[in-house]
Each structure stands twice: as C-alpha cells, then as structure tokens.
Amino acid sequence: MRKPSHLTDADEEVQPGLAAVPTLRERKLVAVREAIWDAATDLFAVRGYDETTVDEIAQAAGISPRSFFRYFLSKGDLMSYALLAYGNELVAEIDACPQSYSLREVFRETVSRVAQRGVARQLRTRKHLEILNKSAAAAAAEMSRFSEVQALVAQAYARRLPRGVEHALTAGVMAGVTLQLTGVAVRWCLEQGESDVSATMERLLASLEGMFCSAGKRKAQSGRKH
C-alpha cells in the first residue's frame, strides 16, 4: 500500500497524547495542496467534475500544469485529497487524546472535533458533497483510496490498544465506525441546520448503543424460545 505523499515516517510513530508537529516543508506542501483543492472545488461546483480539466484547475490555482503534477498524480488523485485530509484529521485527533482516555472517549472526542470542523466549513463541505452527488466519477475517484485511509485510522487506534489476538480487528472496526459516523454527524448537522455537534454526537451514540442493546435483547429472547 502506498503512503500518501504528504505523510512522513514520523506520522506512524506518534505516541498517544502527543500531537506531531509538522515541519515547515510539510506545512508549505499542505498549503499549496489546499490552494489547488479550493480552486478545483470551485470549478467542479460550477463546471462539473467531468468537464473540468487539469489545465483549468492549474490556471485557477495560479500555477502551471507541470506544477500541478508535483502535488497530484491526476485529477482523480486530487479528488481523493479531501478523503486523505479527512483521514489525517482523524488520526491527529486520535493521537492527541490523553492516554488515560477509554476507547469510547477517544472515539467520541475524535468524531466530535473533526465533525465540528466539517460543519464550521459548511460552505466548502456542502460544495464537496454536491460534487460527489452529481458525479459518479468524482465519487469513485475519492473512494478509490478509502481502504488506505481506513488503514491509517486503524493504525492510530492500534497504537492505543494492548497487543492481543483481536488487536487488529478492534482497531479496524473502530476505524470503520469512526470514518462512517463522522460523515453521518456532519451530514445530519448540515441537513438539520444544527451547529452543536456535541449534542448530535450524544444522539448518535445513544442510537448506536440502543441498536446493540435491542439486538442483544432479541437474541436473548430467541434463545429462551428454543
């Protein structure tokens, strides 16, 4: 599996509770990628993902097409940038949580903080979601690296878990749930006009725990019948 070009080996060695400090070069790379992504998002929203060319994106971002390919391999690679950035945000929040936090506390804190930022950037977030809804190619390009992002988030959880038989399984499950529920929280808040993500998180957690409890009760009742 290839490592995202804006991640370093140091990113994989961060200890829980210690946030990695990006170098000046890394900050510059992120700033340029963000500028290209913002320019591309505006074009995709107006012209459509399929109709927009790399040359047009480069021109809108104020760079040459040749410079574009220093930061992204293709238009599809650019489209996956938001997902990678999203994954990196989750990883940073997981790593920043104190070591004393339970897995539930890490999950709640991580989803709440990342979802809150997504809601705060609602204009950009809405534009991004609209692009995905309108273009199957854009959605496919973004999701092409989902397994890579999920693996990164799973590694962050794995750093917090004691080694054991189900170590990798638990980390993988937590990564999948975190990725999905963060998206659910953001979409719910935007659809409902809700700015308080913490309140939404409580509802999501209650709903999730309620489903597991209900499933457990049904299983127990079924067992008694037999």
C-alpha atoms as a PDB file:
ATOM      1  CA  MET A   1       0.000   0.000   0.000  1.00  0.00           C
ATOM      2  CA  ARG A   2       1.458   3.353  -0.922  1.00  0.00           C
ATOM      3  CA  LYS A   3       1.815   6.056   1.691  1.00  0.00           C
ATOM      4  CA  PRO A   4       0.179   9.435   0.953  1.00  0.00           C
ATOM      5  CA  SER A   5       2.866  11.813  -0.287  1.00  0.00           C
ATOM      6  CA  HIS A   6       2.153  14.321   2.470  1.00  0.00           C
ATOM      7  CA  LEU A   7       2.752  11.783   5.265  1.00  0.00           C
ATOM      8  CA  THR A   8       6.175  11.000   6.699  1.00  0.00           C
ATOM      9  CA  ASP A   9       7.505   8.024   8.616  1.00  0.00           C
ATOM     10  CA  ALA A  10       7.240  10.136  11.753  1.00  0.00           C
ATOM     11  CA  ASP A  11       3.462  10.198  11.380  1.00  0.00           C
ATOM     12  CA  GLU A  12       3.372   6.455  12.043  1.00  0.00           C
ATOM     13  CA  GLU A  13       5.419   6.735  15.257  1.00  0.00           C
ATOM     14  CA  VAL A  14       3.350   9.283  17.147  1.00  0.00           C
ATOM     15  CA  GLN A  15       2.550   8.182  20.680  1.00  0.00           C
ATOM     16  CA  PRO A  16      -0.989   8.644  22.072  1.00  0.00           C
ATOM     17  CA  GLY A  17      -1.392  12.053  23.664  1.00  0.00           C
ATOM     18  CA  LEU A  18       1.460  13.597  21.646  1.00  0.00           C
ATOM     19  CA  ALA A  19       0.466  15.534  18.523  1.00  0.00           C
ATOM     20  CA  ALA A  20       3.030  15.502  15.724  1.00  0.00           C
ATOM     21  CA  VAL A  21       4.441  18.926  14.838  1.00  0.00           C
ATOM     22  CA  PRO A  22       4.645  19.345  11.041  1.00  0.00           C
ATOM     23  CA  THR A  23       7.859  20.698   9.552  1.00  0.00           C
ATOM     24  CA  LEU A  24       7.964  23.948   7.572  1.00  0.00           C
ATOM     25  CA  ARG A  25       8.197  21.963   4.328  1.00  0.00           C
ATOM     26  CA  GLU A  26       5.172  19.872   5.267  1.00  0.00           C
ATOM     27  CA  ARG A  27       3.159  22.992   6.107  1.00  0.00           C
ATOM     28  CA  LYS A  28       4.049  24.533   2.742  1.00  0.00           C
ATOM     29  CA  LEU A  29       3.053  21.360   0.897  1.00  0.00           C
ATOM     30  CA  VAL A  30      -0.292  21.291   2.674  1.00  0.00           C
ATOM     31  CA  ALA A  31      -0.871  24.997   1.962  1.00  0.00           C
ATOM     32  CA  VAL A  32      -0.277  24.521  -1.780  1.00  0.00           C
ATOM     33  CA  ARG A  33      -2.429  21.398  -1.923  1.00  0.00           C
ATOM     34  CA  GLU A  34      -5.195  23.234  -0.106  1.00  0.00           C
ATOM     35  CA  ALA A  35      -5.000  26.109  -2.589  1.00  0.00           C
ATOM     36  CA  ILE A  36      -5.221  23.714  -5.541  1.00  0.00           C
ATOM     37  CA  TRP A  37      -8.088  21.821  -3.921  1.00  0.00           C
ATOM     38  CA  ASP A  38     -10.027  25.025  -3.215  1.00  0.00           C
ATOM     39  CA  ALA A  39      -9.610  26.188  -6.809  1.00  0.00           C
ATOM     40  CA  ALA A  40     -10.644  22.783  -8.129  1.00  0.00           C
ATOM     41  CA  THR A  41     -13.679  22.604  -5.852  1.00  0.00           C
ATOM     42  CA  ASP A  42     -14.963  25.923  -7.146  1.00  0.00           C
ATOM     43  CA  LEU A  43     -14.535  24.749 -10.747  1.00  0.00           C
ATOM     44  CA  PHE A  44     -16.111  21.344 -10.098  1.00  0.00           C
ATOM     45  CA  ALA A  45     -19.111  23.014  -8.474  1.00  0.00           C
ATOM     46  CA  VAL A  46     -19.660  25.374 -11.427  1.00  0.00           C
ATOM     47  CA  ARG A  47     -18.497  23.366 -14.464  1.00  0.00           C
ATOM     48  CA  GLY A  48     -18.790  19.827 -13.157  1.00  0.00           C
ATOM     49  CA  TYR A  49     -16.056  17.364 -12.227  1.00  0.00           C
ATOM     50  CA  ASP A  50     -16.143  15.516 -15.545  1.00  0.00           C
ATOM     51  CA  GLU A  51     -15.970  18.704 -17.632  1.00  0.00           C
ATOM     52  CA  THR A  52     -13.110  20.355 -15.726  1.00  0.00           C
ATOM     53  CA  THR A  53      -9.560  19.816 -16.985  1.00  0.00           C
ATOM     54  CA  VAL A  54      -6.234  19.815 -15.148  1.00  0.00           C
ATOM     55  CA  ASP A  55      -5.146  22.854 -17.193  1.00  0.00           C
ATOM     56  CA  GLU A  56      -8.188  24.785 -15.966  1.00  0.00           C
ATOM     57  CA  ILE A  57      -7.523  23.781 -12.358  1.00  0.00           C
ATOM     58  CA  ALA A  58      -3.890  24.846 -12.618  1.00  0.00           C
ATOM     59  CA  GLN A  59      -4.843  28.190 -14.140  1.00  0.00           C
ATOM     60  CA  ALA A  60      -7.429  28.830 -11.409  1.00  0.00           C
ATOM     61  CA  ALA A  61      -4.866  27.955  -8.726  1.00  0.00           C
ATOM     62  CA  GLY A  62      -2.268  30.267 -10.274  1.00  0.00           C
ATOM     63  CA  ILE A  63       0.223  27.526 -11.116  1.00  0.00           C
ATOM     64  CA  SER A  64       1.391  25.758 -14.268  1.00  0.00           C
ATOM     65  CA  PRO A  65       0.040  22.343 -15.290  1.00  0.00           C
ATOM     66  CA  ARG A  66       3.547  20.997 -14.721  1.00  0.00           C
ATOM     67  CA  SER A  67       3.469  22.299 -11.146  1.00  0.00           C
ATOM     68  CA  PHE A  68       0.078  20.670 -10.622  1.00  0.00           C
ATOM     69  CA  PHE A  69       1.660  17.251 -11.183  1.00  0.00           C
ATOM     70  CA  ARG A  70       4.230  17.928  -8.485  1.00  0.00           C
ATOM     71  CA  TYR A  71       1.407  17.770  -5.957  1.00  0.00           C
ATOM     72  CA  PHE A  72      -1.134  15.410  -7.530  1.00  0.00           C
ATOM     73  CA  LEU A  73      -0.822  12.497  -9.921  1.00  0.00           C
ATOM     74  CA  SER A  74      -4.073  13.252 -11.749  1.00  0.00           C
ATOM     75  CA  LYS A  75      -7.480  14.890 -11.409  1.00  0.00           C
ATOM     76  CA  GLY A  76      -8.678  11.721  -9.713  1.00  0.00           C
ATOM     77  CA  ASP A  77      -5.787  11.850  -7.252  1.00  0.00           C
ATOM     78  CA  LEU A  78      -6.773  15.437  -6.480  1.00  0.00           C
ATOM     79  CA  MET A  79     -10.374  14.349  -5.877  1.00  0.00           C
ATOM     80  CA  SER A  80      -9.173  11.890  -3.248  1.00  0.00           C
ATOM     81  CA  TYR A  81      -7.321  14.683  -1.426  1.00  0.00           C
ATOM     82  CA  ALA A  82     -10.327  15.581   0.736  1.00  0.00           C
ATOM     83  CA  LEU A  83     -10.659  11.994   1.941  1.00  0.00           C
ATOM     84  CA  LEU A  84      -6.959  11.806   2.772  1.00  0.00           C
ATOM     85  CA  ALA A  85      -7.110  15.122   4.607  1.00  0.00           C
ATOM     86  CA  TYR A  86     -10.163  13.863   6.483  1.00  0.00           C
ATOM     87  CA  GLY A  87      -8.300  10.716   7.484  1.00  0.00           C
ATOM     88  CA  ASN A  88      -5.298  12.719   8.642  1.00  0.00           C
ATOM     89  CA  GLU A  89      -7.553  14.910  10.785  1.00  0.00           C
ATOM     90  CA  LEU A  90      -8.978  11.819  12.457  1.00  0.00           C
ATOM     91  CA  VAL A  91      -5.515  10.365  13.048  1.00  0.00           C
ATOM     92  CA  ALA A  92      -4.284  13.630  14.583  1.00  0.00           C
ATOM     93  CA  GLU A  93      -7.252  13.770  16.965  1.00  0.00           C
ATOM     94  CA  ILE A  94      -6.885  10.127  17.989  1.00  0.00           C
ATOM     95  CA  ASP A  95      -3.177  10.646  18.706  1.00  0.00           C
ATOM     96  CA  ALA A  96      -3.863  13.862  20.624  1.00  0.00           C
ATOM     97  CA  CYS A  97      -6.253  12.203  23.097  1.00  0.00           C
ATOM     98  CA  PRO A  98      -4.724  11.552  26.544  1.00  0.00           C
ATOM     99  CA  GLN A  99      -3.521   8.024  27.175  1.00  0.00           C
ATOM    100  CA  SER A 100      -5.968   7.797  30.092  1.00  0.00           C
ATOM    101  CA  TYR A 101      -8.974   8.053  27.751  1.00  0.00           C
ATOM    102  CA  SER A 102     -11.086   4.958  27.217  1.00  0.00           C
ATOM    103  CA  LEU A 103     -11.735   3.792  23.662  1.00  0.00           C
ATOM    104  CA  ARG A 104     -15.230   5.275  23.876  1.00  0.00           C
ATOM    105  CA  GLU A 105     -13.844   8.640  24.999  1.00  0.00           C
ATOM    106  CA  VAL A 106     -11.283   8.652  22.181  1.00  0.00           C
ATOM    107  CA  PHE A 107     -13.999   7.826  19.667  1.00  0.00           C
ATOM    108  CA  ARG A 108     -16.377  10.498  20.960  1.00  0.00           C
ATOM    109  CA  GLU A 109     -13.700  13.196  21.158  1.00  0.00           C
ATOM    110  CA  THR A 110     -12.303  12.409  17.718  1.00  0.00           C
ATOM    111  CA  VAL A 111     -15.626  12.322  15.901  1.00  0.00           C
ATOM    112  CA  SER A 112     -16.905  15.438  17.705  1.00  0.00           C
ATOM    113  CA  ARG A 113     -13.861  17.564  16.919  1.00  0.00           C
ATOM    114  CA  VAL A 114     -13.483  16.560  13.277  1.00  0.00           C
ATOM    115  CA  ALA A 115     -17.233  16.778  12.611  1.00  0.00           C
ATOM    116  CA  GLN A 116     -17.348  20.202  14.264  1.00  0.00           C
ATOM    117  CA  ARG A 117     -14.705  21.490  11.871  1.00  0.00           C
ATOM    118  CA  GLY A 118     -16.584  19.997   8.927  1.00  0.00           C
ATOM    119  CA  VAL A 119     -19.764  21.779   9.993  1.00  0.00           C
ATOM    120  CA  ALA A 120     -17.864  25.030  10.596  1.00  0.00           C
ATOM    121  CA  ARG A 121     -16.615  24.826   6.987  1.00  0.00           C
ATOM    122  CA  GLN A 122     -20.154  24.223   5.825  1.00  0.00           C
ATOM    123  CA  LEU A 123     -19.904  26.129   2.526  1.00  0.00           C
ATOM    124  CA  ARG A 124     -16.894  24.085   1.472  1.00  0.00           C
ATOM    125  CA  THR A 125     -18.376  20.869   2.871  1.00  0.00           C
ATOM    126  CA  ARG A 126     -21.709  21.355   1.089  1.00  0.00           C
ATOM    127  CA  LYS A 127     -19.911  22.082  -2.171  1.00  0.00           C
ATOM    128  CA  HIS A 128     -17.842  18.921  -1.793  1.00  0.00           C
ATOM    129  CA  LEU A 129     -20.887  16.748  -1.075  1.00  0.00           C
ATOM    130  CA  GLU A 130     -22.719  18.244  -4.053  1.00  0.00           C
ATOM    131  CA  ILE A 131     -19.805  17.371  -6.370  1.00  0.00           C
ATOM    132  CA  LEU A 132     -19.873  13.764  -5.154  1.00  0.00           C
ATOM    133  CA  ASN A 133     -23.634  13.540  -5.615  1.00  0.00           C
ATOM    134  CA  LYS A 134     -23.502  14.865  -9.176  1.00  0.00           C
ATOM    135  CA  SER A 135     -20.552  12.872 -10.493  1.00  0.00           C
ATOM    136  CA  ALA A 136     -20.122   9.113 -10.202  1.00  0.00           C
ATOM    137  CA  ALA A 137     -16.551   9.539 -11.460  1.00  0.00           C
ATOM    138  CA  ALA A 138     -15.758  12.008  -8.671  1.00  0.00           C
ATOM    139  CA  ALA A 139     -17.226   9.693  -6.045  1.00  0.00           C
ATOM    140  CA  ALA A 140     -15.281   6.720  -7.442  1.00  0.00           C
ATOM    141  CA  ALA A 141     -12.039   8.720  -7.511  1.00  0.00           C
ATOM    142  CA  GLU A 142     -12.454   9.728  -3.884  1.00  0.00           C
ATOM    143  CA  MET A 143     -13.405   6.241  -2.681  1.00  0.00           C
ATOM    144  CA  SER A 144     -10.517   4.621  -4.569  1.00  0.00           C
ATOM    145  CA  ARG A 145      -8.315   5.328  -1.543  1.00  0.00           C
ATOM    146  CA  PHE A 146     -10.828   4.594   1.196  1.00  0.00           C
ATOM    147  CA  SER A 147      -9.068   1.386   2.268  1.00  0.00           C
ATOM    148  CA  GLU A 148      -5.799   3.312   2.545  1.00  0.00           C
ATOM    149  CA  VAL A 149      -7.403   5.973   4.732  1.00  0.00           C
ATOM    150  CA  GLN A 150      -9.150   3.366   6.864  1.00  0.00           C
ATOM    151  CA  ALA A 151      -5.802   1.629   7.406  1.00  0.00           C
ATOM    152  CA  LEU A 152      -4.236   4.909   8.585  1.00  0.00           C
ATOM    153  CA  VAL A 153      -7.030   5.476  11.096  1.00  0.00           C
ATOM    154  CA  ALA A 154      -6.809   1.842  12.222  1.00  0.00           C
ATOM    155  CA  GLN A 155      -3.077   2.286  12.862  1.00  0.00           C
ATOM    156  CA  ALA A 156      -3.842   5.267  15.089  1.00  0.00           C
ATOM    157  CA  TYR A 157      -6.286   3.206  17.139  1.00  0.00           C
ATOM    158  CA  ALA A 158      -3.880   0.268  17.209  1.00  0.00           C
ATOM    159  CA  ARG A 159      -1.262   2.457  18.912  1.00  0.00           C
ATOM    160  CA  ARG A 160      -3.675   2.838  21.832  1.00  0.00           C
ATOM    161  CA  LEU A 161      -4.662  -0.810  22.185  1.00  0.00           C
ATOM    162  CA  PRO A 162      -2.897  -3.574  24.112  1.00  0.00           C
ATOM    163  CA  ARG A 163      -1.489  -6.309  21.908  1.00  0.00           C
ATOM    164  CA  GLY A 164      -3.703  -9.354  21.703  1.00  0.00           C
ATOM    165  CA  VAL A 165      -5.497 -11.761  19.423  1.00  0.00           C
ATOM    166  CA  GLU A 166      -8.185  -9.236  18.423  1.00  0.00           C
ATOM    167  CA  HIS A 167      -5.903  -6.184  18.407  1.00  0.00           C
ATOM    168  CA  ALA A 168      -6.060  -5.631  14.637  1.00  0.00           C
ATOM    169  CA  LEU A 169      -9.764  -6.495  14.461  1.00  0.00           C
ATOM    170  CA  THR A 170     -10.700  -3.960  17.143  1.00  0.00           C
ATOM    171  CA  ALA A 171      -8.583  -1.238  15.522  1.00  0.00           C
ATOM    172  CA  GLY A 172     -10.143  -1.944  12.117  1.00  0.00           C
ATOM    173  CA  VAL A 173     -13.687  -1.878  13.457  1.00  0.00           C
ATOM    174  CA  MET A 174     -13.057   1.380  15.312  1.00  0.00           C
ATOM    175  CA  ALA A 175     -11.568   2.946  12.176  1.00  0.00           C
ATOM    176  CA  GLY A 176     -14.544   1.973  10.037  1.00  0.00           C
ATOM    177  CA  VAL A 177     -17.077   3.210  12.572  1.00  0.00           C
ATOM    178  CA  THR A 178     -15.176   6.466  13.087  1.00  0.00           C
ATOM    179  CA  LEU A 179     -14.958   7.230   9.367  1.00  0.00           C
ATOM    180  CA  GLN A 180     -18.614   6.495   8.748  1.00  0.00           C
ATOM    181  CA  LEU A 181     -20.127   8.157  11.816  1.00  0.00           C
ATOM    182  CA  THR A 182     -18.098  11.339  11.385  1.00  0.00           C
ATOM    183  CA  GLY A 183     -19.638  11.661   7.933  1.00  0.00           C
ATOM    184  CA  VAL A 184     -23.095  10.884   9.323  1.00  0.00           C
ATOM    185  CA  ALA A 185     -22.682  13.539  12.024  1.00  0.00           C
ATOM    186  CA  VAL A 186     -21.618  16.200   9.524  1.00  0.00           C
ATOM    187  CA  ARG A 187     -24.434  15.437   7.095  1.00  0.00           C
ATOM    188  CA  TRP A 188     -27.048  15.362   9.874  1.00  0.00           C
ATOM    189  CA  CYS A 189     -25.915  18.728  11.258  1.00  0.00           C
ATOM    190  CA  LEU A 190     -25.930  20.349   7.818  1.00  0.00           C
ATOM    191  CA  GLU A 191     -29.339  18.923   6.917  1.00  0.00           C
ATOM    192  CA  GLN A 192     -30.886  19.918  10.243  1.00  0.00           C
ATOM    193  CA  GLY A 193     -29.146  23.291  10.499  1.00  0.00           C
ATOM    194  CA  GLU A 194     -27.544  22.099  13.735  1.00  0.00           C
ATOM    195  CA  SER A 195     -24.311  23.802  14.770  1.00  0.00           C
ATOM    196  CA  ASP A 196     -23.812  21.940  18.067  1.00  0.00           C
ATOM    197  CA  VAL A 197     -22.042  18.747  17.040  1.00  0.00           C
ATOM    198  CA  SER A 198     -21.648  17.584  20.655  1.00  0.00           C
ATOM    199  CA  ALA A 199     -25.434  17.294  21.012  1.00  0.00           C
ATOM    200  CA  THR A 200     -25.630  15.370  17.744  1.00  0.00           C
ATOM    201  CA  MET A 201     -22.871  13.046  18.956  1.00  0.00           C
ATOM    202  CA  GLU A 202     -24.846  12.192  22.073  1.00  0.00           C
ATOM    203  CA  ARG A 203     -27.820  11.285  19.892  1.00  0.00           C
ATOM    204  CA  LEU A 204     -25.658   9.193  17.578  1.00  0.00           C
ATOM    205  CA  LEU A 205     -24.029   7.317  20.444  1.00  0.00           C
ATOM    206  CA  ALA A 206     -27.383   6.740  22.128  1.00  0.00           C
ATOM    207  CA  SER A 207     -28.807   5.470  18.841  1.00  0.00           C
ATOM    208  CA  LEU A 208     -25.816   3.187  18.254  1.00  0.00           C
ATOM    209  CA  GLU A 209     -25.870   1.764  21.771  1.00  0.00           C
ATOM    210  CA  GLY A 210     -29.644   1.380  21.591  1.00  0.00           C
ATOM    211  CA  MET A 211     -29.338  -0.707  18.425  1.00  0.00           C
ATOM    212  CA  PHE A 212     -26.812  -3.036  20.041  1.00  0.00           C
ATOM    213  CA  CYS A 213     -28.926  -3.375  23.183  1.00  0.00           C
ATOM    214  CA  SER A 214     -32.042  -4.135  21.129  1.00  0.00           C
ATOM    215  CA  ALA A 215     -30.181  -6.708  19.076  1.00  0.00           C
ATOM    216  CA  GLY A 216     -28.888  -8.322  22.268  1.00  0.00           C
ATOM    217  CA  LYS A 217     -32.381  -8.494  23.777  1.00  0.00           C
ATOM    218  CA  ARG A 218     -33.820 -10.045  20.619  1.00  0.00           C
ATOM    219  CA  LYS A 219     -31.071 -12.660  20.589  1.00  0.00           C
ATOM    220  CA  ALA A 220     -31.667 -13.489  24.248  1.00  0.00           C
ATOM    221  CA  GLN A 221     -35.426 -13.786  23.723  1.00  0.00           C
ATOM    222  CA  SER A 222     -34.881 -16.024  20.712  1.00  0.00           C
ATOM    223  CA  GLY A 223     -32.588 -18.221  22.769  1.00  0.00           C
ATOM    224  CA  ARG A 224     -35.194 -18.645  25.515  1.00  0.00           C
ATOM    225  CA  LYS A 225     -37.830 -19.697  22.972  1.00  0.00           C
ATOM    226  CA  HIS A 226     -35.593 -22.528  21.792  1.00  0.00           C
END
